[in-house]
């Protein structure tokens, strides 16, 4: 057995946002983020101190066009600097999005995007930045049946090298509502990763079955 405890960490962040309401529908904003990533073990198995300080800044806009379109989009920069001077900081562009559009009754289109910093325990390497986005559509076919489909795209950039991964996903599913609060849900998913690094390509197919609860 190989312990993975050196990967265990807690990320604590604080974000301050300021915005100006141009109209009830549009509110531009800027925000600043500070934080700290604490690893449970001060040093990993290779002797690197991987706890890090986090700084970020973004500018964006909030939208509120009623039931038709709402949400927000922001772009900026994100950086984590490690306690160990031997590790280069991980930094890069940052995106955050959560938009909901209803082109017609009983149909909802959602766009989400995010940027996260991923750690590693590979000696001498700092980690990577993962940019990901997801476009999903949900349609109420009947009062007790909802269908959904989604496409996802991700790009992982390895810090300190030209290594990168491209991740594509597609899924389709449905939920049968037993009542207004609970439904049985099923989903088929395919995911594929292509990388310019050796031995990182893969294709995966998954089937999910579960119970969905709402209020």
N, C-alpha and C. Protein backbone atom coordinates (compact mmCIF):
# COMPACT_ATOMS: atom_id res chain seq x y z
N UNK A 1 0.84 -1.20 0.00
CA UNK A 1 0.00 0.00 0.00
C UNK A 1 0.87 1.25 0.00
N UNK A 2 0.45 2.28 -0.77
CA UNK A 2 1.19 3.53 -0.87
C UNK A 2 0.32 4.67 -0.34
N UNK A 3 0.77 5.30 0.71
CA UNK A 3 0.00 6.39 1.30
C UNK A 3 -0.05 7.59 0.36
N UNK A 4 -1.23 8.22 0.26
CA UNK A 4 -1.43 9.44 -0.55
C UNK A 4 -1.67 10.66 0.35
N UNK A 5 -1.33 10.55 1.61
CA UNK A 5 -1.63 11.63 2.55
C UNK A 5 -0.90 12.92 2.22
N UNK A 6 0.23 12.83 1.50
CA UNK A 6 0.97 14.04 1.15
C UNK A 6 0.22 14.91 0.15
N UNK A 7 -0.84 14.38 -0.45
CA UNK A 7 -1.67 15.15 -1.39
C UNK A 7 -2.80 15.90 -0.68
N UNK A 8 -3.08 15.57 0.57
CA UNK A 8 -4.21 16.16 1.28
C UNK A 8 -3.93 17.63 1.59
N UNK A 9 -4.87 18.50 1.22
CA UNK A 9 -4.68 19.94 1.42
C UNK A 9 -6.03 20.62 1.60
N UNK A 10 -5.99 21.80 2.20
CA UNK A 10 -7.18 22.64 2.39
C UNK A 10 -6.91 24.00 1.77
N UNK A 11 -7.84 24.48 0.96
CA UNK A 11 -7.72 25.79 0.33
C UNK A 11 -8.72 26.75 0.97
N UNK A 12 -8.22 27.84 1.55
CA UNK A 12 -9.07 28.87 2.15
C UNK A 12 -8.88 30.17 1.37
N UNK A 13 -9.97 30.78 0.90
CA UNK A 13 -9.87 32.00 0.11
C UNK A 13 -10.87 33.04 0.61
N UNK A 14 -10.54 34.29 0.34
CA UNK A 14 -11.41 35.42 0.65
C UNK A 14 -11.46 36.31 -0.59
N UNK A 15 -12.67 36.63 -1.05
CA UNK A 15 -12.85 37.43 -2.26
C UNK A 15 -13.62 38.68 -1.93
N UNK A 16 -13.10 39.82 -2.37
CA UNK A 16 -13.77 41.11 -2.19
C UNK A 16 -14.19 41.62 -3.57
N UNK A 17 -15.48 41.95 -3.73
CA UNK A 17 -16.01 42.39 -5.02
C UNK A 17 -16.65 43.76 -4.88
N UNK A 18 -16.41 44.57 -5.90
CA UNK A 18 -17.07 45.87 -5.98
C UNK A 18 -17.66 46.05 -7.36
N UNK A 19 -18.92 46.52 -7.43
CA UNK A 19 -19.58 46.68 -8.71
C UNK A 19 -20.37 47.96 -8.78
N UNK A 20 -20.75 48.33 -10.01
CA UNK A 20 -21.56 49.53 -10.22
C UNK A 20 -22.72 49.16 -11.14
N UNK A 21 -23.93 49.37 -10.67
CA UNK A 21 -25.12 49.00 -11.42
C UNK A 21 -25.43 50.05 -12.49
N UNK A 22 -25.10 49.73 -13.74
CA UNK A 22 -25.42 50.63 -14.85
C UNK A 22 -26.92 50.69 -15.06
N UNK A 23 -27.54 49.51 -14.97
CA UNK A 23 -28.99 49.37 -15.09
C UNK A 23 -29.38 48.14 -14.30
N UNK A 24 -30.67 47.90 -14.07
CA UNK A 24 -31.05 46.67 -13.36
C UNK A 24 -30.57 45.39 -14.06
N UNK A 25 -30.24 45.49 -15.35
CA UNK A 25 -29.83 44.31 -16.10
C UNK A 25 -28.32 44.13 -16.15
N UNK A 26 -27.53 45.21 -15.98
CA UNK A 26 -26.08 45.14 -16.16
C UNK A 26 -25.35 45.72 -14.97
N UNK A 27 -24.41 44.95 -14.42
CA UNK A 27 -23.58 45.42 -13.31
C UNK A 27 -22.14 44.99 -13.53
N UNK A 28 -21.27 45.86 -14.06
CA UNK A 28 -19.85 45.53 -14.15
C UNK A 28 -19.24 45.45 -12.74
N UNK A 29 -18.20 44.65 -12.60
CA UNK A 29 -17.57 44.51 -11.28
C UNK A 29 -16.10 44.16 -11.43
N UNK A 30 -15.36 44.40 -10.37
CA UNK A 30 -13.99 43.93 -10.23
C UNK A 30 -13.90 43.22 -8.89
N UNK A 31 -13.01 42.24 -8.81
CA UNK A 31 -12.85 41.53 -7.55
C UNK A 31 -11.40 41.11 -7.35
N UNK A 32 -11.01 41.04 -6.09
CA UNK A 32 -9.68 40.61 -5.70
C UNK A 32 -9.80 39.40 -4.78
N UNK A 33 -8.88 38.47 -4.92
CA UNK A 33 -8.92 37.23 -4.14
C UNK A 33 -7.58 36.98 -3.47
N UNK A 34 -7.61 36.65 -2.21
CA UNK A 34 -6.42 36.21 -1.50
C UNK A 34 -6.74 34.88 -0.83
N UNK A 35 -5.73 34.08 -0.63
CA UNK A 35 -5.99 32.78 -0.01
C UNK A 35 -4.71 32.07 0.36
N UNK A 36 -4.90 30.89 0.91
CA UNK A 36 -3.77 30.07 1.37
C UNK A 36 -4.14 28.60 1.19
N UNK A 37 -3.24 27.85 0.56
CA UNK A 37 -3.40 26.41 0.42
C UNK A 37 -2.53 25.73 1.46
N UNK A 38 -3.17 25.01 2.39
CA UNK A 38 -2.45 24.34 3.48
C UNK A 38 -2.39 22.84 3.20
N UNK A 39 -1.20 22.29 3.10
CA UNK A 39 -1.03 20.84 3.00
C UNK A 39 -0.96 20.24 4.40
N UNK A 40 -1.62 19.09 4.56
CA UNK A 40 -1.62 18.43 5.87
C UNK A 40 -0.20 18.10 6.33
N UNK A 41 0.66 17.73 5.39
CA UNK A 41 2.05 17.43 5.71
C UNK A 41 2.92 18.61 5.24
N UNK A 42 3.72 19.15 6.13
CA UNK A 42 4.53 20.33 5.79
C UNK A 42 5.48 20.05 4.64
N UNK A 43 6.04 18.85 4.59
CA UNK A 43 6.95 18.45 3.51
C UNK A 43 6.43 17.16 2.88
N UNK A 44 6.52 17.07 1.55
CA UNK A 44 6.11 15.83 0.89
C UNK A 44 7.24 14.82 0.96
N UNK A 45 7.06 13.67 0.31
CA UNK A 45 8.03 12.58 0.41
C UNK A 45 9.37 12.93 -0.24
N UNK A 46 9.38 13.98 -1.09
CA UNK A 46 10.62 14.41 -1.73
C UNK A 46 11.26 15.60 -1.03
N UNK A 47 10.64 16.04 0.08
CA UNK A 47 11.21 17.13 0.86
C UNK A 47 10.81 18.52 0.42
N UNK A 48 9.76 18.66 -0.40
CA UNK A 48 9.30 19.97 -0.85
C UNK A 48 8.15 20.47 0.02
N UNK A 49 8.22 21.75 0.41
CA UNK A 49 7.14 22.38 1.17
C UNK A 49 6.16 22.99 0.16
N UNK A 50 4.98 22.38 0.01
CA UNK A 50 4.07 22.75 -1.08
C UNK A 50 2.92 23.65 -0.65
N UNK A 51 2.81 24.01 0.59
CA UNK A 51 1.80 25.00 0.98
C UNK A 51 2.09 26.30 0.24
N UNK A 52 1.03 27.05 -0.10
CA UNK A 52 1.23 28.20 -1.01
C UNK A 52 0.28 29.34 -0.66
N UNK A 53 0.72 30.56 -0.97
CA UNK A 53 -0.12 31.75 -0.89
C UNK A 53 -0.77 31.99 -2.24
N UNK A 54 -2.01 32.46 -2.23
CA UNK A 54 -2.80 32.60 -3.45
C UNK A 54 -3.25 34.05 -3.63
N UNK A 55 -3.10 34.57 -4.85
CA UNK A 55 -3.57 35.90 -5.21
C UNK A 55 -4.30 35.83 -6.54
N UNK A 56 -5.38 36.59 -6.67
CA UNK A 56 -6.12 36.62 -7.91
C UNK A 56 -6.83 37.95 -8.10
N UNK A 57 -7.08 38.31 -9.35
CA UNK A 57 -7.83 39.52 -9.67
C UNK A 57 -8.64 39.26 -10.93
N UNK A 58 -9.89 39.72 -10.94
CA UNK A 58 -10.76 39.51 -12.09
C UNK A 58 -11.66 40.72 -12.30
N UNK A 59 -12.11 40.89 -13.53
CA UNK A 59 -13.12 41.88 -13.88
C UNK A 59 -14.20 41.18 -14.69
N UNK A 60 -15.44 41.60 -14.48
CA UNK A 60 -16.51 40.91 -15.19
C UNK A 60 -17.80 41.71 -15.18
N UNK A 61 -18.88 41.03 -15.51
CA UNK A 61 -20.18 41.68 -15.59
C UNK A 61 -21.27 40.70 -15.14
N UNK A 62 -22.22 41.21 -14.38
CA UNK A 62 -23.40 40.46 -13.99
C UNK A 62 -24.55 40.83 -14.93
N UNK A 63 -25.33 39.81 -15.33
CA UNK A 63 -26.48 40.02 -16.21
C UNK A 63 -27.74 39.56 -15.51
N UNK A 64 -28.80 40.34 -15.63
CA UNK A 64 -30.10 39.94 -15.08
C UNK A 64 -31.19 40.43 -16.03
N UNK A 65 -31.50 39.58 -17.02
CA UNK A 65 -32.53 39.90 -17.99
C UNK A 65 -33.80 39.09 -17.72
N UNK A 66 -34.05 38.86 -16.45
CA UNK A 66 -35.26 38.12 -16.07
C UNK A 66 -35.10 36.64 -16.32
N UNK A 67 -36.17 35.98 -16.72
CA UNK A 67 -36.16 34.54 -16.93
C UNK A 67 -35.39 34.14 -18.19
N UNK A 68 -35.16 35.06 -19.11
CA UNK A 68 -34.50 34.72 -20.37
C UNK A 68 -32.99 34.51 -20.21
N UNK A 69 -32.30 35.41 -19.51
CA UNK A 69 -30.85 35.32 -19.39
C UNK A 69 -30.40 35.94 -18.07
N UNK A 70 -29.57 35.20 -17.35
CA UNK A 70 -29.03 35.71 -16.09
C UNK A 70 -27.70 35.01 -15.81
N UNK A 71 -26.90 35.60 -14.93
CA UNK A 71 -25.63 35.01 -14.55
C UNK A 71 -24.52 36.03 -14.58
N UNK A 72 -23.29 35.55 -14.70
CA UNK A 72 -22.13 36.44 -14.71
C UNK A 72 -20.96 35.80 -15.44
N UNK A 73 -20.04 36.65 -15.88
CA UNK A 73 -18.81 36.21 -16.55
C UNK A 73 -17.67 37.10 -16.08
N UNK A 74 -16.51 36.52 -15.80
CA UNK A 74 -15.35 37.30 -15.36
C UNK A 74 -14.07 36.67 -15.89
N UNK A 75 -13.05 37.52 -16.10
CA UNK A 75 -11.74 37.05 -16.54
C UNK A 75 -10.67 37.83 -15.79
N UNK A 76 -9.52 37.18 -15.57
CA UNK A 76 -8.45 37.86 -14.85
C UNK A 76 -7.20 37.01 -14.78
N UNK A 77 -6.54 37.02 -13.61
CA UNK A 77 -5.26 36.33 -13.42
C UNK A 77 -5.24 35.67 -12.06
N UNK A 78 -4.60 34.50 -11.99
CA UNK A 78 -4.54 33.73 -10.75
C UNK A 78 -3.10 33.25 -10.54
N UNK A 79 -2.65 33.28 -9.27
CA UNK A 79 -1.25 32.91 -8.99
C UNK A 79 -1.16 32.26 -7.60
N UNK A 80 -0.35 31.20 -7.51
CA UNK A 80 -0.02 30.59 -6.23
C UNK A 80 1.50 30.50 -6.11
N UNK A 81 2.03 31.02 -4.99
CA UNK A 81 3.47 31.02 -4.71
C UNK A 81 3.75 30.09 -3.55
N UNK A 82 4.69 29.17 -3.72
CA UNK A 82 4.94 28.11 -2.75
C UNK A 82 5.88 28.56 -1.64
N UNK A 83 5.75 27.90 -0.51
CA UNK A 83 6.68 28.15 0.60
C UNK A 83 8.10 27.75 0.24
N UNK A 84 8.23 26.73 -0.62
CA UNK A 84 9.54 26.23 -1.02
C UNK A 84 10.05 27.04 -2.22
N UNK A 85 11.17 27.72 -2.04
CA UNK A 85 11.73 28.57 -3.09
C UNK A 85 12.18 27.77 -4.32
N UNK A 86 12.35 26.46 -4.17
CA UNK A 86 12.77 25.65 -5.31
C UNK A 86 11.65 25.42 -6.31
N UNK A 87 10.42 25.70 -5.92
CA UNK A 87 9.26 25.51 -6.79
C UNK A 87 8.84 26.84 -7.40
N UNK A 88 8.74 26.89 -8.71
CA UNK A 88 8.28 28.10 -9.38
C UNK A 88 6.80 28.33 -9.12
N UNK A 89 6.36 29.59 -9.00
CA UNK A 89 4.93 29.87 -8.82
C UNK A 89 4.12 29.35 -10.01
N UNK A 90 2.88 29.00 -9.74
CA UNK A 90 1.93 28.62 -10.79
C UNK A 90 1.02 29.81 -11.03
N UNK A 91 0.97 30.31 -12.25
CA UNK A 91 0.13 31.47 -12.53
C UNK A 91 -0.35 31.42 -13.97
N UNK A 92 -1.47 32.11 -14.22
CA UNK A 92 -2.00 32.14 -15.57
C UNK A 92 -3.35 32.81 -15.61
N UNK A 93 -3.93 32.95 -16.82
CA UNK A 93 -5.26 33.57 -16.96
C UNK A 93 -6.32 32.78 -16.20
N UNK A 94 -7.31 33.50 -15.74
CA UNK A 94 -8.39 32.89 -14.97
C UNK A 94 -9.74 33.29 -15.56
N UNK A 95 -10.65 32.33 -15.68
CA UNK A 95 -12.00 32.61 -16.15
C UNK A 95 -13.01 32.03 -15.17
N UNK A 96 -14.12 32.72 -15.02
CA UNK A 96 -15.23 32.25 -14.20
C UNK A 96 -16.52 32.64 -14.92
N UNK A 97 -17.44 31.68 -15.10
CA UNK A 97 -18.70 31.99 -15.78
C UNK A 97 -19.79 31.09 -15.25
N UNK A 98 -20.99 31.64 -15.18
CA UNK A 98 -22.19 30.89 -14.83
C UNK A 98 -23.37 31.62 -15.45
N UNK A 99 -23.77 31.19 -16.64
CA UNK A 99 -24.83 31.86 -17.40
C UNK A 99 -25.97 30.88 -17.64
N UNK A 100 -27.19 31.35 -17.50
CA UNK A 100 -28.39 30.54 -17.73
C UNK A 100 -29.28 31.27 -18.72
N UNK A 101 -29.66 30.57 -19.80
CA UNK A 101 -30.48 31.16 -20.86
C UNK A 101 -31.67 30.24 -21.12
N UNK A 102 -32.85 30.82 -21.19
CA UNK A 102 -34.06 30.06 -21.49
C UNK A 102 -34.63 30.54 -22.81
N UNK A 103 -34.31 29.86 -23.94
CA UNK A 103 -34.81 30.32 -25.24
C UNK A 103 -36.31 30.16 -25.39
N UNK A 104 -36.90 29.21 -24.66
CA UNK A 104 -38.35 29.03 -24.67
C UNK A 104 -38.76 28.30 -23.41
N UNK A 105 -40.03 28.28 -23.15
CA UNK A 105 -40.54 27.67 -21.93
C UNK A 105 -40.16 26.19 -21.86
N UNK A 106 -39.75 25.75 -20.68
CA UNK A 106 -39.39 24.36 -20.39
C UNK A 106 -38.03 23.96 -20.96
N UNK A 107 -37.25 24.92 -21.46
CA UNK A 107 -35.90 24.64 -21.97
C UNK A 107 -34.90 25.57 -21.29
N UNK A 108 -33.82 25.01 -20.79
CA UNK A 108 -32.80 25.80 -20.11
C UNK A 108 -31.42 25.44 -20.66
N UNK A 109 -30.66 26.46 -21.04
CA UNK A 109 -29.28 26.28 -21.53
C UNK A 109 -28.34 26.92 -20.50
N UNK A 110 -27.35 26.18 -20.05
CA UNK A 110 -26.41 26.67 -19.04
C UNK A 110 -24.98 26.60 -19.57
N UNK A 111 -24.24 27.67 -19.33
CA UNK A 111 -22.82 27.72 -19.68
C UNK A 111 -22.03 28.02 -18.41
N UNK A 112 -21.11 27.15 -18.08
CA UNK A 112 -20.25 27.36 -16.91
C UNK A 112 -18.79 27.24 -17.34
N UNK A 113 -17.93 27.96 -16.65
CA UNK A 113 -16.50 27.90 -16.92
C UNK A 113 -15.74 28.20 -15.63
N UNK A 114 -14.55 27.64 -15.49
CA UNK A 114 -13.77 27.87 -14.29
C UNK A 114 -12.30 27.62 -14.55
N UNK A 115 -11.47 28.16 -13.69
CA UNK A 115 -10.03 27.91 -13.71
C UNK A 115 -9.60 27.48 -12.32
N UNK A 116 -8.87 26.38 -12.23
CA UNK A 116 -8.37 25.90 -10.95
C UNK A 116 -6.88 25.60 -11.08
N UNK A 117 -6.18 25.71 -9.96
CA UNK A 117 -4.77 25.33 -9.90
C UNK A 117 -4.69 23.94 -9.27
N UNK A 118 -4.01 23.03 -9.96
CA UNK A 118 -3.88 21.66 -9.49
C UNK A 118 -2.47 21.43 -8.95
N UNK A 119 -2.39 20.76 -7.83
CA UNK A 119 -1.10 20.44 -7.23
C UNK A 119 -0.51 19.16 -7.79
N UNK A 120 0.72 18.88 -7.41
CA UNK A 120 1.39 17.65 -7.82
C UNK A 120 2.39 17.26 -6.73
N UNK A 121 2.79 16.00 -6.75
CA UNK A 121 3.85 15.55 -5.84
C UNK A 121 5.08 15.10 -6.62
N UNK A 122 5.12 15.39 -7.91
CA UNK A 122 6.29 15.06 -8.72
C UNK A 122 7.46 15.95 -8.29
N UNK A 123 8.61 15.37 -7.94
CA UNK A 123 9.73 16.18 -7.45
C UNK A 123 10.14 17.28 -8.43
N UNK A 124 10.28 18.49 -7.93
CA UNK A 124 10.73 19.61 -8.73
C UNK A 124 9.66 20.28 -9.57
N UNK A 125 8.47 19.71 -9.67
CA UNK A 125 7.39 20.30 -10.46
C UNK A 125 6.38 21.00 -9.55
N UNK A 126 5.79 22.09 -10.07
CA UNK A 126 4.90 22.93 -9.25
C UNK A 126 3.44 22.52 -9.36
N UNK A 127 3.00 22.08 -10.54
CA UNK A 127 1.60 21.75 -10.73
C UNK A 127 1.11 22.20 -12.09
N UNK A 128 -0.17 22.46 -12.19
CA UNK A 128 -0.76 22.81 -13.48
C UNK A 128 -1.98 23.70 -13.26
N UNK A 129 -2.43 24.33 -14.34
CA UNK A 129 -3.67 25.12 -14.35
C UNK A 129 -4.65 24.43 -15.28
N UNK A 130 -5.87 24.22 -14.80
CA UNK A 130 -6.91 23.59 -15.59
C UNK A 130 -8.01 24.59 -15.89
N UNK A 131 -8.20 24.90 -17.18
CA UNK A 131 -9.31 25.72 -17.64
C UNK A 131 -10.38 24.77 -18.17
N UNK A 132 -11.61 24.91 -17.71
CA UNK A 132 -12.67 24.01 -18.16
C UNK A 132 -13.96 24.77 -18.41
N UNK A 133 -14.73 24.28 -19.37
CA UNK A 133 -16.03 24.87 -19.68
C UNK A 133 -17.03 23.77 -19.97
N UNK A 134 -18.30 24.09 -19.76
CA UNK A 134 -19.36 23.10 -19.94
C UNK A 134 -20.61 23.79 -20.46
N UNK A 135 -21.18 23.25 -21.53
CA UNK A 135 -22.43 23.74 -22.12
C UNK A 135 -23.47 22.64 -21.99
N UNK A 136 -24.56 22.92 -21.31
CA UNK A 136 -25.58 21.91 -21.07
C UNK A 136 -26.96 22.43 -21.46
N UNK A 137 -27.83 21.50 -21.86
CA UNK A 137 -29.21 21.82 -22.24
C UNK A 137 -30.13 20.87 -21.48
N UNK A 138 -31.16 21.42 -20.87
CA UNK A 138 -32.17 20.61 -20.17
C UNK A 138 -33.54 20.95 -20.72
N UNK A 139 -34.31 19.91 -21.04
CA UNK A 139 -35.62 20.10 -21.65
C UNK A 139 -36.66 19.25 -20.92
N UNK A 140 -37.75 19.89 -20.50
CA UNK A 140 -38.85 19.17 -19.87
C UNK A 140 -39.75 18.62 -20.96
N UNK A 141 -39.66 17.30 -21.19
CA UNK A 141 -40.44 16.68 -22.24
C UNK A 141 -41.89 16.48 -21.82
N UNK A 142 -42.09 16.01 -20.60
CA UNK A 142 -43.42 15.88 -19.99
C UNK A 142 -43.31 16.39 -18.57
N UNK A 143 -44.43 16.42 -17.90
CA UNK A 143 -44.43 16.91 -16.52
C UNK A 143 -43.59 16.03 -15.61
N UNK A 144 -43.41 14.76 -15.97
CA UNK A 144 -42.64 13.84 -15.12
C UNK A 144 -41.36 13.35 -15.79
N UNK A 145 -40.94 13.97 -16.91
CA UNK A 145 -39.75 13.50 -17.61
C UNK A 145 -38.93 14.68 -18.12
N UNK A 146 -37.65 14.71 -17.73
CA UNK A 146 -36.72 15.76 -18.14
C UNK A 146 -35.52 15.12 -18.81
N UNK A 147 -35.14 15.62 -19.99
CA UNK A 147 -33.95 15.13 -20.70
C UNK A 147 -32.87 16.19 -20.66
N UNK A 148 -31.62 15.74 -20.71
CA UNK A 148 -30.50 16.69 -20.68
C UNK A 148 -29.32 16.16 -21.48
N UNK A 149 -28.50 17.08 -21.96
CA UNK A 149 -27.28 16.74 -22.69
C UNK A 149 -26.24 17.81 -22.40
N UNK A 150 -24.96 17.45 -22.51
CA UNK A 150 -23.90 18.41 -22.19
C UNK A 150 -22.64 18.08 -22.97
N UNK A 151 -21.87 19.14 -23.28
CA UNK A 151 -20.55 19.03 -23.87
C UNK A 151 -19.56 19.76 -22.97
N UNK A 152 -18.39 19.20 -22.78
CA UNK A 152 -17.38 19.82 -21.94
C UNK A 152 -16.03 19.86 -22.63
N UNK A 153 -15.25 20.88 -22.31
CA UNK A 153 -13.92 21.03 -22.88
C UNK A 153 -12.98 21.54 -21.80
N UNK A 154 -11.81 20.94 -21.69
CA UNK A 154 -10.83 21.36 -20.69
C UNK A 154 -9.44 21.44 -21.29
N UNK A 155 -8.64 22.36 -20.76
CA UNK A 155 -7.25 22.50 -21.20
C UNK A 155 -6.38 22.61 -19.95
N UNK A 156 -5.46 21.65 -19.79
CA UNK A 156 -4.55 21.63 -18.65
C UNK A 156 -3.16 22.06 -19.11
N UNK A 157 -2.63 23.11 -18.48
CA UNK A 157 -1.31 23.66 -18.83
C UNK A 157 -0.36 23.39 -17.68
N UNK A 158 0.71 22.63 -17.94
CA UNK A 158 1.66 22.27 -16.90
C UNK A 158 2.67 23.40 -16.70
N UNK A 159 2.82 23.84 -15.47
CA UNK A 159 3.71 24.95 -15.16
C UNK A 159 5.16 24.56 -15.38
N UNK A 160 5.92 25.48 -15.98
CA UNK A 160 7.34 25.27 -16.15
C UNK A 160 7.73 24.37 -17.31
N UNK A 161 6.75 23.99 -18.17
CA UNK A 161 7.06 23.15 -19.32
C UNK A 161 6.06 23.46 -20.43
N UNK A 162 6.26 22.82 -21.59
CA UNK A 162 5.30 23.00 -22.69
C UNK A 162 4.27 21.88 -22.71
N UNK A 163 4.18 21.12 -21.63
CA UNK A 163 3.21 20.03 -21.54
C UNK A 163 1.79 20.53 -21.38
N UNK A 164 0.85 19.86 -22.04
CA UNK A 164 -0.55 20.22 -21.90
C UNK A 164 -1.44 19.02 -22.23
N UNK A 165 -2.65 19.04 -21.67
CA UNK A 165 -3.67 18.03 -21.96
C UNK A 165 -4.90 18.73 -22.52
N UNK A 166 -5.59 18.08 -23.46
CA UNK A 166 -6.87 18.56 -23.97
C UNK A 166 -7.92 17.51 -23.63
N UNK A 167 -8.97 17.93 -22.93
CA UNK A 167 -9.97 17.00 -22.41
C UNK A 167 -11.32 17.34 -23.02
N UNK A 168 -11.98 16.34 -23.60
CA UNK A 168 -13.30 16.51 -24.20
C UNK A 168 -14.27 15.54 -23.53
N UNK A 169 -15.49 16.00 -23.27
CA UNK A 169 -16.50 15.13 -22.69
C UNK A 169 -17.86 15.40 -23.33
N UNK A 170 -18.69 14.36 -23.37
CA UNK A 170 -20.06 14.47 -23.87
C UNK A 170 -20.93 13.54 -23.06
N UNK A 171 -22.14 13.97 -22.76
CA UNK A 171 -23.04 13.13 -21.98
C UNK A 171 -24.50 13.41 -22.33
N UNK A 172 -25.34 12.43 -22.05
CA UNK A 172 -26.78 12.56 -22.26
C UNK A 172 -27.49 11.78 -21.17
N UNK A 173 -28.63 12.28 -20.72
CA UNK A 173 -29.33 11.61 -19.64
C UNK A 173 -30.78 12.04 -19.56
N UNK A 174 -31.47 11.48 -18.57
CA UNK A 174 -32.88 11.80 -18.36
C UNK A 174 -33.22 11.58 -16.89
N UNK A 175 -34.24 12.27 -16.43
CA UNK A 175 -34.74 12.12 -15.05
C UNK A 175 -36.23 11.89 -15.09
N UNK A 176 -36.67 10.83 -14.44
CA UNK A 176 -38.10 10.54 -14.29
C UNK A 176 -38.51 10.95 -12.88
N UNK A 177 -39.41 11.94 -12.81
CA UNK A 177 -39.82 12.49 -11.53
C UNK A 177 -40.96 11.68 -10.94
N UNK A 178 -40.70 11.10 -9.77
CA UNK A 178 -41.73 10.34 -9.06
C UNK A 178 -42.73 11.29 -8.42
N UNK A 179 -42.25 12.46 -7.98
CA UNK A 179 -43.09 13.53 -7.46
C UNK A 179 -42.31 14.83 -7.65
N UNK A 180 -42.79 15.95 -7.08
CA UNK A 180 -42.11 17.21 -7.32
C UNK A 180 -40.77 17.33 -6.60
N UNK A 181 -40.47 16.40 -5.70
CA UNK A 181 -39.25 16.52 -4.90
C UNK A 181 -38.18 15.48 -5.21
N UNK A 182 -38.52 14.38 -5.84
CA UNK A 182 -37.57 13.29 -6.05
C UNK A 182 -37.74 12.66 -7.43
N UNK A 183 -36.60 12.31 -8.04
CA UNK A 183 -36.64 11.67 -9.35
C UNK A 183 -35.50 10.69 -9.53
N UNK A 184 -35.74 9.67 -10.36
CA UNK A 184 -34.70 8.72 -10.72
C UNK A 184 -33.99 9.25 -11.95
N UNK A 185 -32.66 9.28 -11.91
CA UNK A 185 -31.89 9.87 -13.00
C UNK A 185 -30.85 8.89 -13.53
N UNK A 186 -30.60 8.95 -14.83
CA UNK A 186 -29.59 8.13 -15.47
C UNK A 186 -28.82 8.96 -16.48
N UNK A 187 -27.55 8.61 -16.70
CA UNK A 187 -26.71 9.41 -17.58
C UNK A 187 -25.61 8.56 -18.20
N UNK A 188 -25.37 8.75 -19.50
CA UNK A 188 -24.26 8.14 -20.21
C UNK A 188 -23.21 9.21 -20.47
N UNK A 189 -21.94 8.89 -20.27
CA UNK A 189 -20.88 9.90 -20.41
C UNK A 189 -19.66 9.30 -21.10
N UNK A 190 -19.08 10.08 -22.00
CA UNK A 190 -17.82 9.71 -22.64
C UNK A 190 -16.81 10.82 -22.40
N UNK A 191 -15.59 10.45 -22.05
CA UNK A 191 -14.52 11.43 -21.83
C UNK A 191 -13.26 10.96 -22.53
N UNK A 192 -12.57 11.91 -23.15
CA UNK A 192 -11.35 11.60 -23.88
C UNK A 192 -10.29 12.64 -23.56
N UNK A 193 -9.06 12.20 -23.34
CA UNK A 193 -7.95 13.11 -23.07
C UNK A 193 -6.81 12.84 -24.06
N UNK A 194 -6.33 13.92 -24.67
CA UNK A 194 -5.17 13.85 -25.56
C UNK A 194 -4.09 14.75 -24.99
N UNK A 195 -2.86 14.26 -24.94
CA UNK A 195 -1.77 14.99 -24.31
C UNK A 195 -0.52 14.94 -25.18
N UNK A 196 0.31 15.96 -25.07
CA UNK A 196 1.62 15.91 -25.74
C UNK A 196 2.68 15.29 -24.84
N UNK A 197 2.26 14.80 -23.67
CA UNK A 197 3.15 14.08 -22.77
C UNK A 197 2.89 12.58 -22.92
N UNK A 198 3.89 11.75 -22.71
CA UNK A 198 3.71 10.30 -22.91
C UNK A 198 2.79 9.68 -21.86
N UNK A 199 2.03 8.67 -22.31
CA UNK A 199 1.23 7.81 -21.42
C UNK A 199 0.14 8.57 -20.67
N UNK A 200 -0.39 9.65 -21.24
CA UNK A 200 -1.48 10.37 -20.58
C UNK A 200 -2.78 10.36 -21.39
N UNK A 201 -2.78 9.81 -22.60
CA UNK A 201 -4.01 9.73 -23.39
C UNK A 201 -4.92 8.65 -22.82
N UNK A 202 -6.23 8.91 -22.85
CA UNK A 202 -7.18 7.89 -22.43
C UNK A 202 -8.56 8.20 -23.00
N UNK A 203 -9.39 7.16 -23.06
CA UNK A 203 -10.82 7.28 -23.38
C UNK A 203 -11.58 6.52 -22.31
N UNK A 204 -12.68 7.10 -21.83
CA UNK A 204 -13.45 6.47 -20.76
C UNK A 204 -14.93 6.63 -21.03
N UNK A 205 -15.69 5.57 -20.78
CA UNK A 205 -17.15 5.58 -20.90
C UNK A 205 -17.74 5.22 -19.55
N UNK A 206 -18.78 5.96 -19.15
CA UNK A 206 -19.36 5.77 -17.81
C UNK A 206 -20.87 5.76 -17.90
N UNK A 207 -21.49 5.05 -16.97
CA UNK A 207 -22.94 5.02 -16.81
C UNK A 207 -23.25 5.40 -15.37
N UNK A 208 -24.15 6.37 -15.18
CA UNK A 208 -24.53 6.82 -13.85
C UNK A 208 -26.02 6.55 -13.62
N UNK A 209 -26.35 6.05 -12.46
CA UNK A 209 -27.72 5.90 -12.02
C UNK A 209 -27.84 6.48 -10.62
N UNK A 210 -28.90 7.24 -10.36
CA UNK A 210 -29.00 7.84 -9.04
C UNK A 210 -30.37 8.41 -8.75
N UNK A 211 -30.43 9.10 -7.63
CA UNK A 211 -31.66 9.74 -7.15
C UNK A 211 -31.41 11.24 -7.05
N UNK A 212 -32.29 12.03 -7.65
CA UNK A 212 -32.18 13.49 -7.64
C UNK A 212 -33.25 14.06 -6.74
N UNK A 213 -32.81 14.92 -5.80
CA UNK A 213 -33.73 15.55 -4.85
C UNK A 213 -33.70 17.05 -5.06
N UNK A 214 -34.85 17.70 -4.92
CA UNK A 214 -34.92 19.16 -5.06
C UNK A 214 -36.04 19.70 -4.19
N UNK A 215 -35.95 20.99 -3.89
CA UNK A 215 -36.99 21.70 -3.16
C UNK A 215 -37.39 22.94 -3.93
